[in-house]
């Protein structure tokens, strides 16, 4: 019976199916690595790197905490990312990251424009 297992030692071939699934769902780049092994970088439904690690993935593996930042180095330098730990039995076994589109959008401007549009629609009735 086929199964997926994510553990501290999971390699790229173990992590790729999960990273690919998330990439297909959210249509954004996904990275993933385990505590002990480099992992994968996935974009547009393809694994681009099977020995991937990045500074934010490594930070999350050390801290065990969600990190939302703009890396100053690596494949996503200058691009907002969100990276979360994956835990099992209280231990950090892996980390998964995505490019964070909300970090590229000026939310106050978007919501301010939305409120203006709603007001205009109501006034035109």
PDB file of N, CA and C in Angstrom:
ATOM      1  N   UNK A   1       0.845  -1.168   0.000  1.00  0.00           N
ATOM      2  CA  UNK A   1       0.000   0.000   0.000  1.00  0.00           C
ATOM      3  C   UNK A   1       0.899   1.241   0.000  1.00  0.00           C
ATOM      4  N   UNK A   2       0.695   2.164  -0.964  1.00  0.00           N
ATOM      5  CA  UNK A   2       1.488   3.397  -1.000  1.00  0.00           C
ATOM      6  C   UNK A   2       1.197   4.259   0.226  1.00  0.00           C
ATOM      7  N   UNK A   3       2.233   4.953   0.686  1.00  0.00           N
ATOM      8  CA  UNK A   3       2.044   5.881   1.795  1.00  0.00           C
ATOM      9  C   UNK A   3       3.073   6.993   1.725  1.00  0.00           C
ATOM     10  N   UNK A   4       2.722   8.108   2.341  1.00  0.00           N
ATOM     11  CA  UNK A   4       3.638   9.234   2.464  1.00  0.00           C
ATOM     12  C   UNK A   4       4.044   9.349   3.920  1.00  0.00           C
ATOM     13  N   UNK A   5       5.329   9.518   4.145  1.00  0.00           N
ATOM     14  CA  UNK A   5       5.833   9.667   5.500  1.00  0.00           C
ATOM     15  C   UNK A   5       6.743  10.880   5.528  1.00  0.00           C
ATOM     16  N   UNK A   6       6.474  11.770   6.468  1.00  0.00           N
ATOM     17  CA  UNK A   6       7.350  12.923   6.668  1.00  0.00           C
ATOM     18  C   UNK A   6       8.021  12.728   8.014  1.00  0.00           C
ATOM     19  N   UNK A   7       9.341  12.644   7.976  1.00  0.00           N
ATOM     20  CA  UNK A   7      10.117  12.441   9.196  1.00  0.00           C
ATOM     21  C   UNK A   7      11.320  13.374   9.172  1.00  0.00           C
ATOM     22  N   UNK A   8      12.090  13.352  10.254  1.00  0.00           N
ATOM     23  CA  UNK A   8      13.295  14.194  10.319  1.00  0.00           C
ATOM     24  C   UNK A   8      14.261  13.896   9.181  1.00  0.00           C
ATOM     25  N   UNK A   9      14.261  12.670   8.686  1.00  0.00           N
ATOM     26  CA  UNK A   9      15.203  12.282   7.649  1.00  0.00           C
ATOM     27  C   UNK A   9      14.625  12.244   6.248  1.00  0.00           C
ATOM     28  N   UNK A  10      13.382  12.691   6.067  1.00  0.00           N
ATOM     29  CA  UNK A  10      12.759  12.655   4.738  1.00  0.00           C
ATOM     30  C   UNK A  10      13.586  13.433   3.733  1.00  0.00           C
ATOM     31  N   UNK A  11      13.762  12.834   2.576  1.00  0.00           N
ATOM     32  CA  UNK A  11      14.492  13.488   1.499  1.00  0.00           C
ATOM     33  C   UNK A  11      13.553  14.064   0.468  1.00  0.00           C
ATOM     34  N   UNK A  12      14.133  14.546  -0.595  1.00  0.00           N
ATOM     35  CA  UNK A  12      13.359  15.199  -1.648  1.00  0.00           C
ATOM     36  C   UNK A  12      12.274  14.287  -2.212  1.00  0.00           C
ATOM     37  N   UNK A  13      12.578  13.014  -2.435  1.00  0.00           N
ATOM     38  CA  UNK A  13      11.577  12.120  -3.025  1.00  0.00           C
ATOM     39  C   UNK A  13      10.404  11.885  -2.087  1.00  0.00           C
ATOM     40  N   UNK A  14      10.642  11.983  -0.777  1.00  0.00           N
ATOM     41  CA  UNK A  14       9.564  11.842   0.203  1.00  0.00           C
ATOM     42  C   UNK A  14       8.690  13.091   0.254  1.00  0.00           C
ATOM     43  N   UNK A  15       9.308  14.250   0.119  1.00  0.00           N
ATOM     44  CA  UNK A  15       8.611  15.526   0.288  1.00  0.00           C
ATOM     45  C   UNK A  15       7.961  16.048  -0.989  1.00  0.00           C
ATOM     46  N   UNK A  16       8.490  15.650  -2.138  1.00  0.00           N
ATOM     47  CA  UNK A  16       8.009  16.182  -3.413  1.00  0.00           C
ATOM     48  C   UNK A  16       6.504  16.011  -3.623  1.00  0.00           C
ATOM     49  N   UNK A  17       5.903  14.853  -3.330  1.00  0.00           N
ATOM     50  CA  UNK A  17       4.455  14.730  -3.569  1.00  0.00           C
ATOM     51  C   UNK A  17       3.628  15.748  -2.779  1.00  0.00           C
ATOM     52  N   UNK A  18       4.010  16.015  -1.543  1.00  0.00           N
ATOM     53  CA  UNK A  18       3.282  17.005  -0.740  1.00  0.00           C
ATOM     54  C   UNK A  18       3.505  18.415  -1.278  1.00  0.00           C
ATOM     55  N   UNK A  19       4.738  18.745  -1.577  1.00  0.00           N
ATOM     56  CA  UNK A  19       5.046  20.079  -2.097  1.00  0.00           C
ATOM     57  C   UNK A  19       4.340  20.313  -3.434  1.00  0.00           C
ATOM     58  N   UNK A  20       4.316  19.302  -4.290  1.00  0.00           N
ATOM     59  CA  UNK A  20       3.628  19.431  -5.574  1.00  0.00           C
ATOM     60  C   UNK A  20       2.125  19.631  -5.383  1.00  0.00           C
ATOM     61  N   UNK A  21       1.535  18.906  -4.442  1.00  0.00           N
ATOM     62  CA  UNK A  21       0.101  19.054  -4.185  1.00  0.00           C
ATOM     63  C   UNK A  21      -0.225  20.464  -3.703  1.00  0.00           C
ATOM     64  N   UNK A  22       0.560  20.977  -2.755  1.00  0.00           N
ATOM     65  CA  UNK A  22       0.326  22.340  -2.270  1.00  0.00           C
ATOM     66  C   UNK A  22       0.517  23.345  -3.393  1.00  0.00           C
ATOM     67  N   UNK A  23       1.532  23.141  -4.211  1.00  0.00           N
ATOM     68  CA  UNK A  23       1.786  24.033  -5.337  1.00  0.00           C
ATOM     69  C   UNK A  23       0.600  24.050  -6.293  1.00  0.00           C
ATOM     70  N   UNK A  24       0.027  22.899  -6.563  1.00  0.00           N
ATOM     71  CA  UNK A  24      -1.132  22.846  -7.454  1.00  0.00           C
ATOM     72  C   UNK A  24      -2.337  23.548  -6.842  1.00  0.00           C
ATOM     73  N   UNK A  25      -2.527  23.404  -5.537  1.00  0.00           N
ATOM     74  CA  UNK A  25      -3.680  24.017  -4.870  1.00  0.00           C
ATOM     75  C   UNK A  25      -3.580  25.534  -4.854  1.00  0.00           C
ATOM     76  N   UNK A  26      -2.426  26.049  -4.483  1.00  0.00           N
ATOM     77  CA  UNK A  26      -2.303  27.492  -4.288  1.00  0.00           C
ATOM     78  C   UNK A  26      -1.673  28.235  -5.465  1.00  0.00           C
ATOM     79  N   UNK A  27      -1.126  27.493  -6.432  1.00  0.00           N
ATOM     80  CA  UNK A  27      -0.504  28.087  -7.629  1.00  0.00           C
ATOM     81  C   UNK A  27       0.600  29.075  -7.278  1.00  0.00           C
ATOM     82  N   UNK A  28       1.324  28.775  -6.220  1.00  0.00           N
ATOM     83  CA  UNK A  28       2.468  29.587  -5.797  1.00  0.00           C
ATOM     84  C   UNK A  28       3.667  28.672  -5.562  1.00  0.00           C
ATOM     85  N   UNK A  29       4.877  29.207  -5.661  1.00  0.00           N
ATOM     86  CA  UNK A  29       6.050  28.398  -5.365  1.00  0.00           C
ATOM     87  C   UNK A  29       6.011  27.843  -3.938  1.00  0.00           C
ATOM     88  N   UNK A  30       6.465  26.603  -3.784  1.00  0.00           N
ATOM     89  CA  UNK A  30       6.492  25.914  -2.498  1.00  0.00           C
ATOM     90  C   UNK A  30       7.884  25.326  -2.295  1.00  0.00           C
ATOM     91  N   UNK A  31       8.400  25.468  -1.082  1.00  0.00           N
ATOM     92  CA  UNK A  31       9.654  24.822  -0.717  1.00  0.00           C
ATOM     93  C   UNK A  31       9.413  23.969   0.519  1.00  0.00           C
ATOM     94  N   UNK A  32      10.224  22.928   0.644  1.00  0.00           N
ATOM     95  CA  UNK A  32      10.047  22.031   1.783  1.00  0.00           C
ATOM     96  C   UNK A  32      11.339  21.272   2.003  1.00  0.00           C
ATOM     97  N   UNK A  33      11.707  21.138   3.278  1.00  0.00           N
ATOM     98  CA  UNK A  33      12.862  20.307   3.627  1.00  0.00           C
ATOM     99  C   UNK A  33      12.653  19.720   5.012  1.00  0.00           C
ATOM    100  N   UNK A  34      13.357  18.629   5.284  1.00  0.00           N
ATOM    101  CA  UNK A  34      13.258  18.005   6.597  1.00  0.00           C
ATOM    102  C   UNK A  34      14.385  18.515   7.487  1.00  0.00           C
ATOM    103  N   UNK A  35      14.324  18.129   8.748  1.00  0.00           N
ATOM    104  CA  UNK A  35      15.335  18.548   9.720  1.00  0.00           C
ATOM    105  C   UNK A  35      16.741  18.102   9.298  1.00  0.00           C
ATOM    106  N   UNK A  36      16.857  16.892   8.758  1.00  0.00           N
ATOM    107  CA  UNK A  36      18.178  16.317   8.478  1.00  0.00           C
ATOM    108  C   UNK A  36      18.589  16.304   7.018  1.00  0.00           C
ATOM    109  N   UNK A  37      17.679  16.652   6.098  1.00  0.00           N
ATOM    110  CA  UNK A  37      18.009  16.535   4.669  1.00  0.00           C
ATOM    111  C   UNK A  37      17.472  17.714   3.874  1.00  0.00           C
ATOM    112  N   UNK A  38      18.220  18.122   2.851  1.00  0.00           N
ATOM    113  CA  UNK A  38      17.672  19.116   1.927  1.00  0.00           C
ATOM    114  C   UNK A  38      16.414  18.560   1.277  1.00  0.00           C
ATOM    115  N   UNK A  39      15.593  19.448   0.750  1.00  0.00           N
ATOM    116  CA  UNK A  39      14.321  19.012   0.196  1.00  0.00           C
ATOM    117  C   UNK A  39      14.096  19.476  -1.216  1.00  0.00           C
ATOM    118  N   UNK A  40      12.931  20.098  -1.450  1.00  0.00           N
ATOM    119  CA  UNK A  40      12.526  20.449  -2.803  1.00  0.00           C
ATOM    120  C   UNK A  40      12.089  21.911  -2.914  1.00  0.00           C
ATOM    121  N   UNK A  41      12.234  22.398  -4.131  1.00  0.00           N
ATOM    122  CA  UNK A  41      11.675  23.692  -4.520  1.00  0.00           C
ATOM    123  C   UNK A  41      10.784  23.410  -5.715  1.00  0.00           C
ATOM    124  N   UNK A  42       9.511  23.799  -5.615  1.00  0.00           N
ATOM    125  CA  UNK A  42       8.514  23.468  -6.631  1.00  0.00           C
ATOM    126  C   UNK A  42       7.880  24.750  -7.152  1.00  0.00           C
ATOM    127  N   UNK A  43       7.799  24.853  -8.465  1.00  0.00           N
ATOM    128  CA  UNK A  43       7.114  25.965  -9.110  1.00  0.00           C
ATOM    129  C   UNK A  43       6.413  25.455 -10.353  1.00  0.00           C
ATOM    130  N   UNK A  44       5.216  25.964 -10.617  1.00  0.00           N
ATOM    131  CA  UNK A  44       4.445  25.639 -11.821  1.00  0.00           C
ATOM    132  C   UNK A  44       4.323  24.131 -12.047  1.00  0.00           C
ATOM    133  N   UNK A  45       4.097  23.386 -10.965  1.00  0.00           N
ATOM    134  CA  UNK A  45       3.873  21.952 -11.077  1.00  0.00           C
ATOM    135  C   UNK A  45       5.099  21.106 -11.329  1.00  0.00           C
ATOM    136  N   UNK A  46       6.285  21.704 -11.198  1.00  0.00           N
ATOM    137  CA  UNK A  46       7.527  20.967 -11.435  1.00  0.00           C
ATOM    138  C   UNK A  46       8.497  21.132 -10.284  1.00  0.00           C
ATOM    139  N   UNK A  47       9.238  20.071 -10.003  1.00  0.00           N
ATOM    140  CA  UNK A  47      10.307  20.141  -9.018  1.00  0.00           C
ATOM    141  C   UNK A  47      11.514  20.755  -9.714  1.00  0.00           C
ATOM    142  N   UNK A  48      11.929  21.936  -9.248  1.00  0.00           N
ATOM    143  CA  UNK A  48      13.065  22.636  -9.857  1.00  0.00           C
ATOM    144  C   UNK A  48      14.389  22.292  -9.188  1.00  0.00           C
ATOM    145  N   UNK A  49      14.318  21.872  -7.915  1.00  0.00           N
ATOM    146  CA  UNK A  49      15.540  21.581  -7.165  1.00  0.00           C
ATOM    147  C   UNK A  49      15.241  20.454  -6.189  1.00  0.00           C
ATOM    148  N   UNK A  50      16.033  19.383  -6.248  1.00  0.00           N
ATOM    149  CA  UNK A  50      15.856  18.234  -5.358  1.00  0.00           C
ATOM    150  C   UNK A  50      16.862  18.209  -4.209  1.00  0.00           C
ATOM    151  N   UNK A  51      17.610  19.282  -4.056  1.00  0.00           N
ATOM    152  CA  UNK A  51      18.582  19.404  -2.955  1.00  0.00           C
ATOM    153  C   UNK A  51      18.428  20.778  -2.326  1.00  0.00           C
ATOM    154  N   UNK A  52      17.185  21.216  -2.171  1.00  0.00           N
ATOM    155  CA  UNK A  52      16.916  22.596  -1.788  1.00  0.00           C
ATOM    156  C   UNK A  52      16.934  22.814  -0.281  1.00  0.00           C
ATOM    157  N   UNK A  53      17.530  23.926   0.072  1.00  0.00           N
ATOM    158  CA  UNK A  53      17.373  24.499   1.404  1.00  0.00           C
ATOM    159  C   UNK A  53      17.404  26.007   1.228  1.00  0.00           C
ATOM    160  N   UNK A  54      16.940  26.698   2.212  1.00  0.00           N
ATOM    161  CA  UNK A  54      16.946  28.151   2.152  1.00  0.00           C
ATOM    162  C   UNK A  54      17.085  28.711   3.543  1.00  0.00           C
ATOM    163  N   UNK A  55      17.494  29.972   3.654  1.00  0.00           N
ATOM    164  CA  UNK A  55      17.751  30.550   4.970  1.00  0.00           C
ATOM    165  C   UNK A  55      16.517  30.591   5.873  1.00  0.00           C
ATOM    166  N   UNK A  56      15.342  30.789   5.308  1.00  0.00           N
ATOM    167  CA  UNK A  56      14.139  30.871   6.145  1.00  0.00           C
ATOM    168  C   UNK A  56      13.691  29.467   6.569  1.00  0.00           C
ATOM    169  N   UNK A  57      13.792  28.492   5.664  1.00  0.00           N
ATOM    170  CA  UNK A  57      13.503  27.104   6.063  1.00  0.00           C
ATOM    171  C   UNK A  57      14.401  26.707   7.237  1.00  0.00           C
ATOM    172  N   UNK A  58      15.674  27.023   7.146  1.00  0.00           N
ATOM    173  CA  UNK A  58      16.619  26.666   8.207  1.00  0.00           C
ATOM    174  C   UNK A  58      16.303  27.392   9.510  1.00  0.00           C
ATOM    175  N   UNK A  59      15.909  28.661   9.422  1.00  0.00           N
ATOM    176  CA  UNK A  59      15.532  29.422  10.619  1.00  0.00           C
ATOM    177  C   UNK A  59      14.335  28.778  11.319  1.00  0.00           C
ATOM    178  N   UNK A  60      13.342  28.365  10.533  1.00  0.00           N
ATOM    179  CA  UNK A  60      12.143  27.746  11.103  1.00  0.00           C
ATOM    180  C   UNK A  60      12.479  26.390  11.724  1.00  0.00           C
ATOM    181  N   UNK A  61      13.363  25.640  11.099  1.00  0.00           N
ATOM    182  CA  UNK A  61      13.773  24.354  11.683  1.00  0.00           C
ATOM    183  C   UNK A  61      14.475  24.560  13.030  1.00  0.00           C
ATOM    184  N   UNK A  62      15.215  25.652  13.164  1.00  0.00           N
ATOM    185  CA  UNK A  62      15.889  25.953  14.438  1.00  0.00           C
ATOM    186  C   UNK A  62      14.901  26.460  15.485  1.00  0.00           C
ATOM    187  N   UNK A  63      14.017  27.367  15.073  1.00  0.00           N
ATOM    188  CA  UNK A  63      13.139  28.041  16.040  1.00  0.00           C
ATOM    189  C   UNK A  63      11.833  27.306  16.320  1.00  0.00           C
ATOM    190  N   UNK A  64      11.345  26.578  15.330  1.00  0.00           N
ATOM    191  CA  UNK A  64      10.055  25.918  15.472  1.00  0.00           C
ATOM    192  C   UNK A  64       8.873  26.867  15.374  1.00  0.00           C
ATOM    193  N   UNK A  65       9.117  28.077  14.862  1.00  0.00           N
ATOM    194  CA  UNK A  65       8.059  29.089  14.787  1.00  0.00           C
ATOM    195  C   UNK A  65       7.820  29.530  13.351  1.00  0.00           C
ATOM    196  N   UNK A  66       6.570  29.916  13.084  1.00  0.00           N
ATOM    197  CA  UNK A  66       6.211  30.488  11.794  1.00  0.00           C
ATOM    198  C   UNK A  66       7.034  31.749  11.559  1.00  0.00           C
ATOM    199  N   UNK A  67       7.519  31.908  10.326  1.00  0.00           N
ATOM    200  CA  UNK A  67       8.267  33.112   9.965  1.00  0.00           C
ATOM    201  C   UNK A  67       7.684  33.677   8.673  1.00  0.00           C
ATOM    202  N   UNK A  68       7.342  34.966   8.721  1.00  0.00           N
ATOM    203  CA  UNK A  68       6.931  35.718   7.529  1.00  0.00           C
ATOM    204  C   UNK A  68       7.976  36.808   7.354  1.00  0.00           C
ATOM    205  N   UNK A  69       8.685  36.764   6.224  1.00  0.00           N
ATOM    206  CA  UNK A  69       9.783  37.701   6.031  1.00  0.00           C
ATOM    207  C   UNK A  69      10.087  37.863   4.554  1.00  0.00           C
ATOM    208  N   UNK A  70      11.043  38.730   4.281  1.00  0.00           N
ATOM    209  CA  UNK A  70      11.588  38.884   2.935  1.00  0.00           C
ATOM    210  C   UNK A  70      13.065  38.511   3.036  1.00  0.00           C
ATOM    211  N   UNK A  71      13.450  37.342   2.502  1.00  0.00           N
ATOM    212  CA  UNK A  71      14.835  36.899   2.637  1.00  0.00           C
ATOM    213  C   UNK A  71      15.820  37.852   1.954  1.00  0.00           C
ATOM    214  N   UNK A  72      17.015  37.937   2.535  1.00  0.00           N
ATOM    215  CA  UNK A  72      18.056  38.786   1.944  1.00  0.00           C
ATOM    216  C   UNK A  72      19.048  37.976   1.115  1.00  0.00           C
ATOM    217  N   UNK A  73      18.781  36.660   1.002  1.00  0.00           N
ATOM    218  CA  UNK A  73      19.617  35.797   0.162  1.00  0.00           C
ATOM    219  C   UNK A  73      18.812  34.547  -0.209  1.00  0.00           C
ATOM    220  N   UNK A  74      19.340  33.780  -1.140  1.00  0.00           N
ATOM    221  CA  UNK A  74      18.692  32.547  -1.557  1.00  0.00           C
ATOM    222  C   UNK A  74      17.830  32.732  -2.797  1.00  0.00           C
ATOM    223  N   UNK A  75      17.140  31.664  -3.188  1.00  0.00           N
ATOM    224  CA  UNK A  75      16.340  31.655  -4.418  1.00  0.00           C
ATOM    225  C   UNK A  75      15.214  32.677  -4.395  1.00  0.00           C
ATOM    226  N   UNK A  76      14.725  33.027  -3.202  1.00  0.00           N
ATOM    227  CA  UNK A  76      13.607  33.967  -3.092  1.00  0.00           C
ATOM    228  C   UNK A  76      14.029  35.281  -2.445  1.00  0.00           C
ATOM    229  N   UNK A  77      15.271  35.651  -2.667  1.00  0.00           N
ATOM    230  CA  UNK A  77      15.790  36.925  -2.166  1.00  0.00           C
ATOM    231  C   UNK A  77      14.889  38.065  -2.631  1.00  0.00           C
ATOM    232  N   UNK A  78      14.456  38.895  -1.670  1.00  0.00           N
ATOM    233  CA  UNK A  78      13.639  40.053  -1.992  1.00  0.00           C
ATOM    234  C   UNK A  78      12.160  39.767  -2.199  1.00  0.00           C
ATOM    235  N   UNK A  79      11.759  38.517  -2.021  1.00  0.00           N
ATOM    236  CA  UNK A  79      10.367  38.113  -2.243  1.00  0.00           C
ATOM    237  C   UNK A  79       9.748  37.713  -0.901  1.00  0.00           C
ATOM    238  N   UNK A  80       8.580  38.240  -0.549  1.00  0.00           N
ATOM    239  CA  UNK A  80       7.957  37.840   0.723  1.00  0.00           C
ATOM    240  C   UNK A  80       7.643  36.338   0.745  1.00  0.00           C
ATOM    241  N   UNK A  81       7.995  35.698   1.860  1.00  0.00           N
ATOM    242  CA  UNK A  81       7.714  34.271   2.039  1.00  0.00           C
ATOM    243  C   UNK A  81       7.118  34.032   3.419  1.00  0.00           C
ATOM    244  N   UNK A  82       6.378  32.936   3.534  1.00  0.00           N
ATOM    245  CA  UNK A  82       5.887  32.448   4.823  1.00  0.00           C
ATOM    246  C   UNK A  82       6.337  31.008   4.944  1.00  0.00           C
ATOM    247  N   UNK A  83       6.943  30.679   6.078  1.00  0.00           N
ATOM    248  CA  UNK A  83       7.453  29.331   6.307  1.00  0.00           C
ATOM    249  C   UNK A  83       6.980  28.860   7.673  1.00  0.00           C
ATOM    250  N   UNK A  84       6.453  27.631   7.705  1.00  0.00           N
ATOM    251  CA  UNK A  84       5.923  27.063   8.948  1.00  0.00           C
ATOM    252  C   UNK A  84       6.604  25.732   9.252  1.00  0.00           C
ATOM    253  N   UNK A  85       6.733  25.440  10.549  1.00  0.00           N
ATOM    254  CA  UNK A  85       7.279  24.133  10.924  1.00  0.00           C
ATOM    255  C   UNK A  85       6.222  23.041  10.785  1.00  0.00           C
ATOM    256  N   UNK A  86       6.686  21.836  10.557  1.00  0.00           N
ATOM    257  CA  UNK A  86       5.839  20.645  10.592  1.00  0.00           C
ATOM    258  C   UNK A  86       6.340  19.834  11.775  1.00  0.00           C
ATOM    259  N   UNK A  87       5.445  19.580  12.719  1.00  0.00           N
ATOM    260  CA  UNK A  87       5.852  18.893  13.944  1.00  0.00           C
ATOM    261  C   UNK A  87       5.132  17.561  14.089  1.00  0.00           C
ATOM    262  N   UNK A  88       5.775  16.661  14.817  1.00  0.00           N
ATOM    263  CA  UNK A  88       5.185  15.360  15.165  1.00  0.00           C
ATOM    264  C   UNK A  88       5.694  14.989  16.540  1.00  0.00           C
ATOM    265  N   UNK A  89       4.780  14.616  17.409  1.00  0.00           N
ATOM    266  CA  UNK A  89       5.141  14.245  18.781  1.00  0.00           C
ATOM    267  C   UNK A  89       5.996  15.312  19.460  1.00  0.00           C
ATOM    268  N   UNK A  90       5.685  16.585  19.182  1.00  0.00           N
ATOM    269  CA  UNK A  90       6.390  17.692  19.816  1.00  0.00           C
ATOM    270  C   UNK A  90       7.760  18.001  19.239  1.00  0.00           C
ATOM    271  N   UNK A  91       8.171  17.300  18.177  1.00  0.00           N
ATOM    272  CA  UNK A  91       9.475  17.543  17.551  1.00  0.00           C
ATOM    273  C   UNK A  91       9.281  18.175  16.183  1.00  0.00           C
ATOM    274  N   UNK A  92      10.183  19.075  15.839  1.00  0.00           N
ATOM    275  CA  UNK A  92      10.165  19.688  14.517  1.00  0.00           C
ATOM    276  C   UNK A  92      10.796  18.698  13.552  1.00  0.00           C
ATOM    277  N   UNK A  93      10.010  18.256  12.565  1.00  0.00           N
ATOM    278  CA  UNK A  93      10.545  17.275  11.623  1.00  0.00           C
ATOM    279  C   UNK A  93      10.833  17.875  10.252  1.00  0.00           C
ATOM    280  N   UNK A  94      10.139  18.963   9.908  1.00  0.00           N
ATOM    281  CA  UNK A  94      10.331  19.563   8.589  1.00  0.00           C
ATOM    282  C   UNK A  94       9.801  20.996   8.611  1.00  0.00           C
ATOM    283  N   UNK A  95      10.012  21.681   7.499  1.00  0.00           N
ATOM    284  CA  UNK A  95       9.481  23.032   7.323  1.00  0.00           C
ATOM    285  C   UNK A  95       8.989  23.165   5.894  1.00  0.00           C
ATOM    286  N   UNK A  96       7.897  23.925   5.735  1.00  0.00           N
ATOM    287  CA  UNK A  96       7.346  24.182   4.404  1.00  0.00           C
ATOM    288  C   UNK A  96       7.170  25.677   4.236  1.00  0.00           C
ATOM    289  N   UNK A  97       7.529  26.158   3.064  1.00  0.00           N
ATOM    290  CA  UNK A  97       7.390  27.580   2.789  1.00  0.00           C
ATOM    291  C   UNK A  97       6.670  27.847   1.487  1.00  0.00           C
ATOM    292  N   UNK A  98       6.048  29.024   1.428  1.00  0.00           N
ATOM    293  CA  UNK A  98       5.384  29.470   0.207  1.00  0.00           C
ATOM    294  C   UNK A  98       5.720  30.937  -0.032  1.00  0.00           C
ATOM    295  N   UNK A  99       5.693  31.333  -1.292  1.00  0.00           N
ATOM    296  CA  UNK A  99       5.787  32.749  -1.609  1.00  0.00           C
ATOM    297  C   UNK A  99       4.501  33.383  -1.094  1.00  0.00           C
ATOM    298  N   UNK A 100       4.630  34.485  -0.379  1.00  0.00           N
ATOM    299  CA  UNK A 100       3.503  35.104   0.318  1.00  0.00           C
ATOM    300  C   UNK A 100       2.996  36.307  -0.470  1.00  0.00           C
ATOM    301  N   UNK A 101       1.958  36.080  -1.260  1.00  0.00           N
ATOM    302  CA  UNK A 101       1.413  37.174  -2.074  1.00  0.00           C
ATOM    303  C   UNK A 101       0.875  38.310  -1.244  1.00  0.00           C
ATOM    304  N   UNK A 102       0.388  38.027  -0.038  1.00  0.00           N
ATOM    305  CA  UNK A 102      -0.141  39.123   0.780  1.00  0.00           C
ATOM    306  C   UNK A 102       0.963  40.106   1.133  1.00  0.00           C
ATOM    307  N   UNK A 103       2.205  39.652   1.116  1.00  0.00           N
ATOM    308  CA  UNK A 103       3.317  40.552   1.389  1.00  0.00           C
ATOM    309  C   UNK A 103       3.628  41.484   0.238  1.00  0.00           C
ATOM    310  N   UNK A 104       3.058  41.201  -0.943  1.00  0.00           N
ATOM    311  CA  UNK A 104       3.322  42.048  -2.107  1.00  0.00           C
ATOM    312  C   UNK A 104       2.175  42.997  -2.408  1.00  0.00           C
ATOM    313  N   UNK A 105       1.081  42.891  -1.652  1.00  0.00           N
ATOM    314  CA  UNK A 105      -0.103  43.701  -1.902  1.00  0.00           C
ATOM    315  C   UNK A 105      -0.229  44.762  -0.811  1.00  0.00           C
ATOM    316  N   UNK A 106      -0.503  45.974  -1.217  1.00  0.00           N
ATOM    317  CA  UNK A 106      -0.756  47.051  -0.264  1.00  0.00           C
ATOM    318  C   UNK A 106      -2.202  46.929   0.191  1.00  0.00           C
ATOM    319  N   UNK A 107      -2.437  46.142   1.243  1.00  0.00           N
ATOM    320  CA  UNK A 107      -3.792  45.831   1.693  1.00  0.00           C
ATOM    321  C   UNK A 107      -4.616  47.061   2.057  1.00  0.00           C
ATOM    322  N   UNK A 108      -4.064  48.051   2.767  1.00  0.00           N
ATOM    323  CA  UNK A 108      -4.888  49.236   3.049  1.00  0.00           C
ATOM    324  C   UNK A 108      -5.368  49.926   1.774  1.00  0.00           C
ATOM    325  N   UNK A 109      -4.516  49.965   0.768  1.00  0.00           N
ATOM    326  CA  UNK A 109      -4.917  50.596  -0.488  1.00  0.00           C
ATOM    327  C   UNK A 109      -6.017  49.782  -1.172  1.00  0.00           C
ATOM    328  N   UNK A 110      -5.870  48.453  -1.202  1.00  0.00           N
ATOM    329  CA  UNK A 110      -6.869  47.597  -1.833  1.00  0.00           C
ATOM    330  C   UNK A 110      -8.208  47.721  -1.116  1.00  0.00           C
ATOM    331  N   UNK A 111      -8.204  47.607   0.213  1.00  0.00           N
ATOM    332  CA  UNK A 111      -9.452  47.677   0.953  1.00  0.00           C
ATOM    333  C   UNK A 111     -10.039  49.084   0.935  1.00  0.00           C
ATOM    334  N   UNK A 112      -9.204  50.102   0.892  1.00  0.00           N
ATOM    335  CA  UNK A 112      -9.699  51.471   0.774  1.00  0.00           C
ATOM    336  C   UNK A 112     -10.422  51.663  -0.551  1.00  0.00           C
ATOM    337  N   UNK A 113      -9.845  51.142  -1.625  1.00  0.00           N
ATOM    338  CA  UNK A 113     -10.488  51.236  -2.938  1.00  0.00           C
ATOM    339  C   UNK A 113     -11.787  50.452  -2.946  1.00  0.00           C
ATOM    340  N   UNK A 114     -11.812  49.304  -2.294  1.00  0.00           N
ATOM    341  CA  UNK A 114     -13.023  48.477  -2.237  1.00  0.00           C
ATOM    342  C   UNK A 114     -14.152  49.239  -1.533  1.00  0.00           C
ATOM    343  N   UNK A 115     -13.839  49.898  -0.441  1.00  0.00           N
ATOM    344  CA  UNK A 115     -14.850  50.678   0.282  1.00  0.00           C
ATOM    345  C   UNK A 115     -15.387  51.809  -0.598  1.00  0.00           C
ATOM    346  N   UNK A 116     -14.504  52.450  -1.343  1.00  0.00           N
ATOM    347  CA  UNK A 116     -14.941  53.522  -2.249  1.00  0.00           C
ATOM    348  C   UNK A 116     -15.873  52.982  -3.328  1.00  0.00           C
ATOM    349  N   UNK A 117     -15.560  51.809  -3.853  1.00  0.00           N
ATOM    350  CA  UNK A 117     -16.400  51.199  -4.893  1.00  0.00           C
ATOM    351  C   UNK A 117     -17.776  50.865  -4.323  1.00  0.00           C
ATOM    352  N   UNK A 118     -17.810  50.284  -3.136  1.00  0.00           N
ATOM    353  CA  UNK A 118     -19.101  49.971  -2.509  1.00  0.00           C
ATOM    354  C   UNK A 118     -19.928  51.228  -2.299  1.00  0.00           C
ATOM    355  N   UNK A 119     -19.300  52.290  -1.848  1.00  0.00           N
ATOM    356  CA  UNK A 119     -20.003  53.549  -1.617  1.00  0.00           C
ATOM    357  C   UNK A 119     -20.573  54.077  -2.943  1.00  0.00           C
ATOM    358  N   UNK A 120     -19.796  54.002  -4.022  1.00  0.00           N
ATOM    359  CA  UNK A 120     -20.270  54.483  -5.322  1.00  0.00           C
ATOM    360  C   UNK A 120     -21.452  53.658  -5.821  1.00  0.00           C
ATOM    361  N   UNK A 121     -21.385  52.336  -5.623  1.00  0.00           N
ATOM    362  CA  UNK A 121     -22.475  51.464  -6.058  1.00  0.00           C
ATOM    363  C   UNK A 121     -23.759  51.794  -5.294  1.00  0.00           C
ATOM    364  N   UNK A 122     -23.652  51.985  -3.992  1.00  0.00           N
ATOM    365  CA  UNK A 122     -24.824  52.316  -3.163  1.00  0.00           C
ATOM    366  C   UNK A 122     -25.422  53.656  -3.561  1.00  0.00           C
ATOM    367  N   UNK A 123     -24.569  54.632  -3.875  1.00  0.00           N
ATOM    368  CA  UNK A 123     -25.058  55.965  -4.243  1.00  0.00           C
ATOM    369  C   UNK A 123     -25.720  55.963  -5.609  1.00  0.00           C
ATOM    370  N   UNK A 124     -25.343  55.046  -6.465  1.00  0.00           N
ATOM    371  CA  UNK A 124     -25.904  55.034  -7.828  1.00  0.00           C
ATOM    372  C   UNK A 124     -27.254  54.340  -7.892  1.00  0.00           C
ATOM    373  N   UNK A 125     -27.697  53.735  -6.808  1.00  0.00           N
ATOM    374  CA  UNK A 125     -28.988  53.031  -6.799  1.00  0.00           C
ATOM    375  C   UNK A 125     -30.120  53.976  -6.740  1.00  0.00           C
TER     376      UNK A 125
END
